[in-house]
Amino acid sequence: MRDEDILKFLNELDIHIPKGEAEAKLVAYGETVLYANKEGFLRMAVELMKCAFEETYPDACMNYLLDKDSDFRIDNLARTKEQLDFFSS
């Protein structure tokens, strides 16, 4: 599959999977559990796929998706090891 085909599919997903119906929550109780409804898992997949195309989607983010009651949030999506080093130092 070519990048342009993936981007076309990704755009369709982004349009048709409503953000308002998506629910997700991270819970830590010794282990970490990720809860999401169908729309939540699909929105997470869309945002993660966006990370593969930084030029087209520089603003990929999952922060909006995670419930305010989550035990922690994902503040940043690192696309390179340099970004990971920056965020983790």
N, C-alpha and C. Protein backbone atom coordinates (compact mmCIF):
# COMPACT_ATOMS: atom_id res chain seq x y z
N MET A 1 0.85 -1.17 0.00
CA MET A 1 0.00 0.00 0.00
C MET A 1 0.90 1.24 0.00
N ARG A 2 0.60 2.16 -0.83
CA ARG A 2 1.39 3.39 -0.94
C ARG A 2 0.95 4.41 0.12
N ASP A 3 1.87 5.31 0.45
CA ASP A 3 1.56 6.34 1.44
C ASP A 3 0.31 7.12 1.08
N GLU A 4 0.14 7.45 -0.18
CA GLU A 4 -1.03 8.24 -0.58
C GLU A 4 -2.32 7.46 -0.34
N ASP A 5 -2.29 6.14 -0.49
CA ASP A 5 -3.46 5.32 -0.21
C ASP A 5 -3.75 5.30 1.29
N ILE A 6 -2.71 5.19 2.08
CA ILE A 6 -2.87 5.19 3.54
C ILE A 6 -3.42 6.54 4.00
N LEU A 7 -2.87 7.63 3.47
CA LEU A 7 -3.33 8.97 3.85
C LEU A 7 -4.80 9.17 3.48
N LYS A 8 -5.21 8.69 2.34
CA LYS A 8 -6.61 8.80 1.92
C LYS A 8 -7.50 8.04 2.90
N PHE A 9 -7.10 6.82 3.23
CA PHE A 9 -7.85 6.01 4.18
C PHE A 9 -7.87 6.67 5.56
N LEU A 10 -6.75 7.18 6.00
CA LEU A 10 -6.64 7.84 7.29
C LEU A 10 -7.54 9.07 7.36
N ASN A 11 -7.57 9.85 6.30
CA ASN A 11 -8.46 11.02 6.25
C ASN A 11 -9.92 10.61 6.40
N GLU A 12 -10.30 9.52 5.74
CA GLU A 12 -11.67 9.03 5.84
C GLU A 12 -11.98 8.60 7.28
N LEU A 13 -11.06 7.87 7.89
CA LEU A 13 -11.26 7.46 9.28
C LEU A 13 -11.39 8.68 10.19
N ASP A 14 -10.51 9.64 10.00
CA ASP A 14 -10.50 10.83 10.84
C ASP A 14 -11.83 11.58 10.75
N ILE A 15 -12.39 11.62 9.58
CA ILE A 15 -13.68 12.32 9.38
C ILE A 15 -14.84 11.55 9.98
N HIS A 16 -14.82 10.23 9.84
CA HIS A 16 -16.00 9.43 10.18
C HIS A 16 -16.01 8.80 11.57
N ILE A 17 -14.94 8.89 12.31
CA ILE A 17 -14.93 8.36 13.68
C ILE A 17 -15.02 9.57 14.62
N PRO A 18 -16.18 9.76 15.21
CA PRO A 18 -16.41 10.98 16.01
C PRO A 18 -15.57 11.04 17.28
N LYS A 19 -14.95 12.19 17.48
CA LYS A 19 -14.17 12.40 18.69
C LYS A 19 -15.08 12.49 19.91
N GLY A 20 -16.25 13.06 19.75
CA GLY A 20 -17.15 13.28 20.87
C GLY A 20 -17.68 12.01 21.52
N GLU A 21 -17.71 10.92 20.77
CA GLU A 21 -18.22 9.66 21.31
C GLU A 21 -17.10 8.76 21.85
N ALA A 22 -15.87 9.17 21.64
CA ALA A 22 -14.72 8.34 22.05
C ALA A 22 -14.47 8.47 23.54
N GLU A 23 -14.28 7.33 24.19
CA GLU A 23 -13.95 7.29 25.61
C GLU A 23 -12.70 6.45 25.80
N ALA A 24 -11.81 6.92 26.66
CA ALA A 24 -10.61 6.14 26.98
C ALA A 24 -10.13 6.55 28.37
N LYS A 25 -9.51 5.59 29.05
CA LYS A 25 -9.03 5.86 30.41
C LYS A 25 -7.86 4.92 30.70
N LEU A 26 -6.83 5.45 31.31
CA LEU A 26 -5.69 4.65 31.78
C LEU A 26 -5.80 4.51 33.29
N VAL A 27 -5.75 3.28 33.77
CA VAL A 27 -5.88 3.01 35.20
C VAL A 27 -4.67 2.20 35.64
N ALA A 28 -4.05 2.64 36.73
CA ALA A 28 -2.91 1.93 37.29
C ALA A 28 -3.30 1.36 38.64
N TYR A 29 -3.09 0.07 38.82
CA TYR A 29 -3.38 -0.59 40.09
C TYR A 29 -2.32 -1.65 40.37
N GLY A 30 -1.08 -1.33 40.11
CA GLY A 30 0.02 -2.30 40.13
C GLY A 30 0.37 -2.68 38.71
N GLU A 31 -0.64 -2.83 37.89
CA GLU A 31 -0.48 -2.99 36.46
C GLU A 31 -1.23 -1.83 35.82
N THR A 32 -1.06 -1.65 34.54
CA THR A 32 -1.76 -0.58 33.85
C THR A 32 -2.82 -1.18 32.94
N VAL A 33 -4.01 -0.61 32.99
CA VAL A 33 -5.12 -1.05 32.15
C VAL A 33 -5.54 0.11 31.27
N LEU A 34 -5.72 -0.16 30.00
CA LEU A 34 -6.26 0.82 29.07
C LEU A 34 -7.68 0.42 28.74
N TYR A 35 -8.64 1.24 29.16
CA TYR A 35 -10.04 1.03 28.81
C TYR A 35 -10.38 1.97 27.67
N ALA A 36 -11.17 1.52 26.73
CA ALA A 36 -11.72 2.39 25.70
C ALA A 36 -12.96 1.73 25.13
N ASN A 37 -13.91 2.55 24.71
CA ASN A 37 -15.02 2.01 23.96
C ASN A 37 -14.57 1.88 22.50
N LYS A 38 -15.44 1.40 21.65
CA LYS A 38 -15.07 1.16 20.24
C LYS A 38 -14.51 2.43 19.60
N GLU A 39 -15.22 3.53 19.76
CA GLU A 39 -14.76 4.79 19.16
C GLU A 39 -13.44 5.24 19.77
N GLY A 40 -13.23 4.96 21.05
CA GLY A 40 -11.97 5.33 21.71
C GLY A 40 -10.79 4.59 21.13
N PHE A 41 -10.93 3.27 20.96
CA PHE A 41 -9.84 2.51 20.35
C PHE A 41 -9.59 2.96 18.91
N LEU A 42 -10.66 3.22 18.18
CA LEU A 42 -10.50 3.66 16.79
C LEU A 42 -9.83 5.03 16.72
N ARG A 43 -10.21 5.96 17.60
CA ARG A 43 -9.57 7.29 17.61
C ARG A 43 -8.10 7.18 17.98
N MET A 44 -7.77 6.29 18.93
CA MET A 44 -6.36 6.08 19.29
C MET A 44 -5.59 5.59 18.07
N ALA A 45 -6.18 4.65 17.35
CA ALA A 45 -5.52 4.13 16.15
C ALA A 45 -5.30 5.23 15.11
N VAL A 46 -6.28 6.09 14.94
CA VAL A 46 -6.15 7.21 14.00
C VAL A 46 -5.00 8.11 14.41
N GLU A 47 -4.96 8.49 15.68
CA GLU A 47 -3.89 9.39 16.15
C GLU A 47 -2.52 8.74 16.03
N LEU A 48 -2.42 7.45 16.31
CA LEU A 48 -1.13 6.77 16.18
C LEU A 48 -0.72 6.66 14.72
N MET A 49 -1.68 6.41 13.84
CA MET A 49 -1.36 6.37 12.41
C MET A 49 -0.90 7.73 11.91
N LYS A 50 -1.48 8.79 12.45
CA LYS A 50 -1.06 10.14 12.07
C LYS A 50 0.42 10.37 12.37
N CYS A 51 0.93 9.74 13.43
CA CYS A 51 2.33 9.90 13.80
C CYS A 51 3.27 9.43 12.69
N ALA A 52 2.82 8.51 11.87
CA ALA A 52 3.66 8.01 10.78
C ALA A 52 3.80 9.03 9.66
N PHE A 53 2.97 10.07 9.68
CA PHE A 53 2.97 11.07 8.61
C PHE A 53 3.08 12.47 9.20
N GLU A 54 4.22 12.73 9.82
CA GLU A 54 4.44 13.99 10.54
C GLU A 54 4.24 15.21 9.64
N GLU A 55 4.65 15.12 8.39
CA GLU A 55 4.52 16.28 7.50
C GLU A 55 3.05 16.65 7.29
N THR A 56 2.18 15.66 7.22
CA THR A 56 0.76 15.89 6.99
C THR A 56 0.02 16.15 8.30
N TYR A 57 0.44 15.48 9.35
CA TYR A 57 -0.24 15.57 10.65
C TYR A 57 0.75 15.91 11.77
N PRO A 58 1.28 17.13 11.78
CA PRO A 58 2.24 17.48 12.83
C PRO A 58 1.60 17.58 14.22
N ASP A 59 0.27 17.65 14.26
CA ASP A 59 -0.43 17.86 15.53
C ASP A 59 -1.10 16.59 16.08
N ALA A 60 -0.62 15.42 15.69
CA ALA A 60 -1.19 14.18 16.22
C ALA A 60 -1.15 14.22 17.74
N CYS A 61 -2.27 13.83 18.37
CA CYS A 61 -2.37 13.97 19.83
C CYS A 61 -3.44 13.02 20.36
N MET A 62 -3.17 12.43 21.51
CA MET A 62 -4.17 11.61 22.17
C MET A 62 -4.63 12.23 23.48
N ASN A 63 -4.10 13.39 23.81
CA ASN A 63 -4.42 14.03 25.08
C ASN A 63 -5.93 14.29 25.22
N TYR A 64 -6.59 14.70 24.13
CA TYR A 64 -8.02 14.99 24.17
C TYR A 64 -8.84 13.74 24.47
N LEU A 65 -8.28 12.60 24.15
CA LEU A 65 -9.03 11.35 24.20
C LEU A 65 -9.13 10.75 25.60
N LEU A 66 -8.09 10.90 26.37
CA LEU A 66 -8.05 10.23 27.67
C LEU A 66 -8.91 10.97 28.70
N ASP A 67 -9.72 10.22 29.38
CA ASP A 67 -10.63 10.71 30.39
C ASP A 67 -9.88 11.50 31.45
N LYS A 68 -10.50 12.54 31.94
CA LYS A 68 -9.87 13.36 32.97
C LYS A 68 -9.65 12.58 34.27
N ASP A 69 -10.35 11.46 34.43
CA ASP A 69 -10.18 10.61 35.61
C ASP A 69 -9.08 9.57 35.43
N SER A 70 -8.40 9.59 34.28
CA SER A 70 -7.30 8.65 34.07
C SER A 70 -6.23 8.84 35.12
N ASP A 71 -5.58 7.76 35.49
CA ASP A 71 -4.49 7.86 36.46
C ASP A 71 -3.29 8.58 35.88
N PHE A 72 -3.13 8.55 34.58
CA PHE A 72 -2.12 9.35 33.90
C PHE A 72 -2.56 9.58 32.48
N ARG A 73 -1.89 10.52 31.82
CA ARG A 73 -2.25 10.90 30.45
C ARG A 73 -1.03 10.74 29.55
N ILE A 74 -1.27 10.76 28.29
CA ILE A 74 -0.18 10.75 27.31
C ILE A 74 -0.07 12.18 26.79
N ASP A 75 0.92 12.90 27.30
CA ASP A 75 1.06 14.31 26.96
C ASP A 75 1.71 14.52 25.60
N ASN A 76 2.59 13.61 25.20
CA ASN A 76 3.32 13.78 23.95
C ASN A 76 3.46 12.45 23.24
N LEU A 77 3.52 12.53 21.93
CA LEU A 77 3.81 11.36 21.09
C LEU A 77 5.16 11.62 20.45
N ALA A 78 6.16 10.87 20.84
CA ALA A 78 7.52 11.06 20.31
C ALA A 78 7.67 10.27 19.02
N ARG A 79 8.13 10.94 17.98
CA ARG A 79 8.27 10.32 16.66
C ARG A 79 9.70 9.91 16.35
N THR A 80 10.63 10.36 17.17
CA THR A 80 12.04 10.00 16.97
C THR A 80 12.65 9.71 18.33
N LYS A 81 13.80 9.03 18.32
CA LYS A 81 14.51 8.77 19.57
C LYS A 81 14.99 10.07 20.20
N GLU A 82 15.30 11.06 19.36
CA GLU A 82 15.74 12.36 19.87
C GLU A 82 14.60 13.03 20.64
N GLN A 83 13.39 12.95 20.10
CA GLN A 83 12.24 13.50 20.81
C GLN A 83 12.02 12.75 22.11
N LEU A 84 12.13 11.45 22.08
CA LEU A 84 11.98 10.65 23.30
C LEU A 84 13.00 11.08 24.35
N ASP A 85 14.26 11.25 23.93
CA ASP A 85 15.31 11.70 24.85
C ASP A 85 14.97 13.07 25.41
N PHE A 86 14.47 13.97 24.57
CA PHE A 86 14.10 15.31 25.01
C PHE A 86 12.99 15.26 26.05
N PHE A 87 11.94 14.50 25.77
CA PHE A 87 10.79 14.42 26.68
C PHE A 87 11.13 13.69 27.97
N SER A 88 12.06 12.75 27.92
CA SER A 88 12.34 11.94 29.11
C SER A 88 13.52 12.46 29.93
N SER A 89 14.12 13.56 29.51
CA SER A 89 15.25 14.08 30.29
C SER A 89 14.83 15.25 31.15
